[in-house]
Amino acid sequence: MKTGLDYPYVAKAMGGGLRNTLKAVDGIVAKRMMVGWGGKVAFIGRNMDDRVKKFAAGIKAETFSPTQEALDMFKKGDGSLLMKENKAWVQKLKDEGYTVYDVGLDPKYSNPHITGRNDQSKGEFYQMETKEIFNDKN
């Protein structure tokens, strides 16, 4: 059910709320979590394949899983369906009271010796997730 309420506020009122954590799986550390009330667990962060999915598998948590159509459109330069599906997934997490772990940004993105780039931006998808779940301002 869509509550229309602030997720961190509702989570705290239900006995959960924002918590710092040092939970680690295969050297990947979750920086924070929003404790929910529904008994389900999800995981967000930057770099889905190398970090988010590995951590989530280690704690048996859910991650965003887009449709093939959304992925195909994204590869062609249109991320609108991917964002729509991601927003719907985040809303489900909020509506059903998931506990959400956040692995944060990928440190290797800021090391040009490893990736050839220096990128510590959240990216539009992860930024939307942290804004909706943790009330991040950017």
C-alpha atoms as a PDB file:
ATOM      1  CA  MET A   1       0.000   0.000   0.000  1.00  0.00           C
ATOM      2  CA  LYS A   2       1.386   3.414  -0.909  1.00  0.00           C
ATOM      3  CA  THR A   3       1.519   5.484   2.262  1.00  0.00           C
ATOM      4  CA  GLY A   4       2.584   8.855   0.863  1.00  0.00           C
ATOM      5  CA  LEU A   5       4.587   9.325   4.062  1.00  0.00           C
ATOM      6  CA  ASP A   6       8.301   9.953   4.478  1.00  0.00           C
ATOM      7  CA  TYR A   7       9.945   6.494   4.465  1.00  0.00           C
ATOM      8  CA  PRO A   8      12.643   7.256   7.082  1.00  0.00           C
ATOM      9  CA  TYR A   9       9.935   8.697   9.360  1.00  0.00           C
ATOM     10  CA  VAL A  10       7.670   5.673   8.946  1.00  0.00           C
ATOM     11  CA  ALA A  11      10.574   3.232   9.366  1.00  0.00           C
ATOM     12  CA  LYS A  12      11.603   4.942  12.607  1.00  0.00           C
ATOM     13  CA  ALA A  13       8.019   4.997  13.872  1.00  0.00           C
ATOM     14  CA  MET A  14       7.789   1.265  13.214  1.00  0.00           C
ATOM     15  CA  GLY A  15      10.909   0.605  15.305  1.00  0.00           C
ATOM     16  CA  GLY A  16      13.458   0.809  12.510  1.00  0.00           C
ATOM     17  CA  GLY A  17      15.118   3.795  10.905  1.00  0.00           C
ATOM     18  CA  LEU A  18      18.536   4.824   9.696  1.00  0.00           C
ATOM     19  CA  ARG A  19      21.453   2.907  11.172  1.00  0.00           C
ATOM     20  CA  ASN A  20      25.170   2.903  10.538  1.00  0.00           C
ATOM     21  CA  THR A  21      26.512  -0.523   9.760  1.00  0.00           C
ATOM     22  CA  LEU A  22      29.799  -2.178   8.982  1.00  0.00           C
ATOM     23  CA  LYS A  23      28.305  -5.354   7.536  1.00  0.00           C
ATOM     24  CA  ALA A  24      30.694  -6.808   4.972  1.00  0.00           C
ATOM     25  CA  VAL A  25      30.521  -9.551   2.351  1.00  0.00           C
ATOM     26  CA  ASP A  26      33.586 -10.485   0.274  1.00  0.00           C
ATOM     27  CA  GLY A  27      35.325  -7.236   1.241  1.00  0.00           C
ATOM     28  CA  ILE A  28      32.339  -5.099   0.200  1.00  0.00           C
ATOM     29  CA  VAL A  29      31.101  -3.007   3.116  1.00  0.00           C
ATOM     30  CA  ALA A  30      27.603  -1.597   3.536  1.00  0.00           C
ATOM     31  CA  LYS A  31      27.948   1.941   4.846  1.00  0.00           C
ATOM     32  CA  ARG A  32      24.416   2.374   6.171  1.00  0.00           C
ATOM     33  CA  MET A  33      21.020   0.754   6.271  1.00  0.00           C
ATOM     34  CA  MET A  34      17.420   1.786   6.720  1.00  0.00           C
ATOM     35  CA  VAL A  35      15.809  -0.719   9.056  1.00  0.00           C
ATOM     36  CA  GLY A  36      12.321  -1.569   7.877  1.00  0.00           C
ATOM     37  CA  TRP A  37       9.472  -3.495   9.444  1.00  0.00           C
ATOM     38  CA  GLY A  38       8.477  -6.069   6.833  1.00  0.00           C
ATOM     39  CA  GLY A  39      11.196  -8.687   7.370  1.00  0.00           C
ATOM     40  CA  LYS A  40      12.471  -8.364   3.790  1.00  0.00           C
ATOM     41  CA  VAL A  41      15.932  -7.113   2.788  1.00  0.00           C
ATOM     42  CA  ALA A  42      17.129  -5.196  -0.280  1.00  0.00           C
ATOM     43  CA  PHE A  43      20.422  -3.718  -1.305  1.00  0.00           C
ATOM     44  CA  ILE A  44      21.418  -0.613  -3.298  1.00  0.00           C
ATOM     45  CA  GLY A  45      24.678   1.035  -4.330  1.00  0.00           C
ATOM     46  CA  ARG A  46      26.825   2.050  -7.250  1.00  0.00           C
ATOM     47  CA  ASN A  47      28.200  -0.672  -9.568  1.00  0.00           C
ATOM     48  CA  MET A  48      25.522  -3.360  -9.676  1.00  0.00           C
ATOM     49  CA  ASP A  49      27.576  -6.215 -11.120  1.00  0.00           C
ATOM     50  CA  ASP A  50      30.810  -5.891  -9.140  1.00  0.00           C
ATOM     51  CA  ARG A  51      29.454  -4.797  -5.772  1.00  0.00           C
ATOM     52  CA  VAL A  52      25.699  -4.649  -5.245  1.00  0.00           C
ATOM     53  CA  LYS A  53      24.750  -8.090  -6.557  1.00  0.00           C
ATOM     54  CA  LYS A  54      27.715  -9.781  -4.818  1.00  0.00           C
ATOM     55  CA  PHE A  55      26.853  -8.262  -1.451  1.00  0.00           C
ATOM     56  CA  ALA A  56      23.154  -8.952  -1.856  1.00  0.00           C
ATOM     57  CA  ALA A  57      23.811 -12.606  -2.702  1.00  0.00           C
ATOM     58  CA  GLY A  58      25.929 -12.906   0.451  1.00  0.00           C
ATOM     59  CA  ILE A  59      23.083 -11.797   2.705  1.00  0.00           C
ATOM     60  CA  LYS A  60      20.246 -13.102   0.522  1.00  0.00           C
ATOM     61  CA  ALA A  61      18.892  -9.640  -0.227  1.00  0.00           C
ATOM     62  CA  GLU A  62      16.910  -8.389  -3.202  1.00  0.00           C
ATOM     63  CA  THR A  63      18.338  -6.010  -5.802  1.00  0.00           C
ATOM     64  CA  PHE A  64      16.735  -4.116  -8.639  1.00  0.00           C
ATOM     65  CA  SER A  65      16.187  -6.395 -11.617  1.00  0.00           C
ATOM     66  CA  PRO A  66      14.956  -4.567 -14.734  1.00  0.00           C
ATOM     67  CA  THR A  67      13.148  -6.131 -17.653  1.00  0.00           C
ATOM     68  CA  GLN A  68      15.074  -7.009 -20.797  1.00  0.00           C
ATOM     69  CA  GLU A  69      13.076  -4.376 -22.670  1.00  0.00           C
ATOM     70  CA  ALA A  70      14.280  -1.673 -20.253  1.00  0.00           C
ATOM     71  CA  LEU A  71      17.883  -2.851 -20.612  1.00  0.00           C
ATOM     72  CA  ASP A  72      17.651  -2.909 -24.409  1.00  0.00           C
ATOM     73  CA  MET A  73      16.216   0.623 -24.473  1.00  0.00           C
ATOM     74  CA  PHE A  74      18.955   1.809 -22.101  1.00  0.00           C
ATOM     75  CA  LYS A  75      21.656   0.362 -24.354  1.00  0.00           C
ATOM     76  CA  LYS A  76      20.141   2.404 -27.193  1.00  0.00           C
ATOM     77  CA  GLY A  77      20.350   5.597 -25.100  1.00  0.00           C
ATOM     78  CA  ASP A  78      16.829   5.708 -23.641  1.00  0.00           C
ATOM     79  CA  GLY A  79      16.802   5.211 -19.869  1.00  0.00           C
ATOM     80  CA  SER A  80      13.170   6.232 -19.321  1.00  0.00           C
ATOM     81  CA  LEU A  81      11.743   2.712 -18.885  1.00  0.00           C
ATOM     82  CA  LEU A  82      14.683   1.665 -16.721  1.00  0.00           C
ATOM     83  CA  MET A  83      14.116   4.655 -14.427  1.00  0.00           C
ATOM     84  CA  LYS A  84      10.364   3.981 -14.319  1.00  0.00           C
ATOM     85  CA  GLU A  85      10.970   0.356 -13.292  1.00  0.00           C
ATOM     86  CA  ASN A  86      13.617   1.377 -10.753  1.00  0.00           C
ATOM     87  CA  LYS A  87      11.259   3.935  -9.180  1.00  0.00           C
ATOM     88  CA  ALA A  88       8.515   1.296  -8.968  1.00  0.00           C
ATOM     89  CA  TRP A  89      10.944  -1.108  -7.256  1.00  0.00           C
ATOM     90  CA  VAL A  90      11.998   1.560  -4.729  1.00  0.00           C
ATOM     91  CA  GLN A  91       8.340   2.336  -4.018  1.00  0.00           C
ATOM     92  CA  LYS A  92       7.729  -1.378  -3.377  1.00  0.00           C
ATOM     93  CA  LEU A  93      10.604  -1.413  -0.881  1.00  0.00           C
ATOM     94  CA  LYS A  94       9.080   1.541   0.938  1.00  0.00           C
ATOM     95  CA  ASP A  95       5.509   0.237   0.833  1.00  0.00           C
ATOM     96  CA  GLU A  96       6.469  -3.214   2.097  1.00  0.00           C
ATOM     97  CA  GLY A  97       8.896  -2.019   4.781  1.00  0.00           C
ATOM     98  CA  TYR A  98      12.111  -3.545   3.478  1.00  0.00           C
ATOM     99  CA  THR A  99      15.365  -3.125   5.376  1.00  0.00           C
ATOM    100  CA  VAL A 100      17.658  -1.511   2.803  1.00  0.00           C
ATOM    101  CA  TYR A 101      21.463  -1.747   2.885  1.00  0.00           C
ATOM    102  CA  ASP A 102      23.502   0.852   0.990  1.00  0.00           C
ATOM    103  CA  VAL A 103      27.026   0.014  -0.198  1.00  0.00           C
ATOM    104  CA  GLY A 104      27.586   3.571  -1.413  1.00  0.00           C
ATOM    105  CA  LEU A 105      29.821   4.674  -4.240  1.00  0.00           C
ATOM    106  CA  ASP A 106      32.405   2.385  -5.776  1.00  0.00           C
ATOM    107  CA  PRO A 107      35.882   3.533  -4.639  1.00  0.00           C
ATOM    108  CA  LYS A 108      37.499   2.269  -7.839  1.00  0.00           C
ATOM    109  CA  TYR A 109      35.442   4.770  -9.863  1.00  0.00           C
ATOM    110  CA  SER A 110      37.587   7.561  -8.399  1.00  0.00           C
ATOM    111  CA  ASN A 111      40.872   5.832  -9.231  1.00  0.00           C
ATOM    112  CA  PRO A 112      41.874   6.605 -12.830  1.00  0.00           C
ATOM    113  CA  HIS A 113      44.696   4.049 -12.586  1.00  0.00           C
ATOM    114  CA  ILE A 114      42.085   1.283 -12.278  1.00  0.00           C
ATOM    115  CA  THR A 115      39.192   2.496 -14.416  1.00  0.00           C
ATOM    116  CA  GLY A 116      40.667   5.279 -16.540  1.00  0.00           C
ATOM    117  CA  ARG A 117      38.186   7.740 -15.048  1.00  0.00           C
ATOM    118  CA  ASN A 118      37.612   9.818 -11.952  1.00  0.00           C
ATOM    119  CA  ASP A 119      33.898   9.573 -11.253  1.00  0.00           C
ATOM    120  CA  GLN A 120      32.428   9.870  -7.772  1.00  0.00           C
ATOM    121  CA  SER A 121      28.972  10.915  -8.939  1.00  0.00           C
ATOM    122  CA  LYS A 122      26.024   8.820  -7.836  1.00  0.00           C
ATOM    123  CA  GLY A 123      24.537   8.555 -11.294  1.00  0.00           C
ATOM    124  CA  GLU A 124      20.851   9.228 -11.834  1.00  0.00           C
ATOM    125  CA  PHE A 125      19.555   5.799 -10.775  1.00  0.00           C
ATOM    126  CA  TYR A 126      21.489   5.422  -7.516  1.00  0.00           C
ATOM    127  CA  GLN A 127      20.860   9.106  -6.733  1.00  0.00           C
ATOM    128  CA  MET A 128      17.112   8.553  -7.060  1.00  0.00           C
ATOM    129  CA  GLU A 129      17.305   5.485  -4.795  1.00  0.00           C
ATOM    130  CA  THR A 130      19.204   7.297  -2.014  1.00  0.00           C
ATOM    131  CA  LYS A 131      16.919  10.322  -2.232  1.00  0.00           C
ATOM    132  CA  GLU A 132      13.770   8.198  -1.940  1.00  0.00           C
ATOM    133  CA  ILE A 133      15.027   5.780   0.731  1.00  0.00           C
ATOM    134  CA  PHE A 134      17.456   7.845   2.827  1.00  0.00           C
ATOM    135  CA  ASN A 135      16.225  11.382   2.050  1.00  0.00           C
ATOM    136  CA  ASP A 136      19.617  12.321   0.588  1.00  0.00           C
ATOM    137  CA  LYS A 137      19.639  15.797  -0.888  1.00  0.00           C
ATOM    138  CA  ASN A 138      21.876  14.878  -3.843  1.00  0.00           C
END
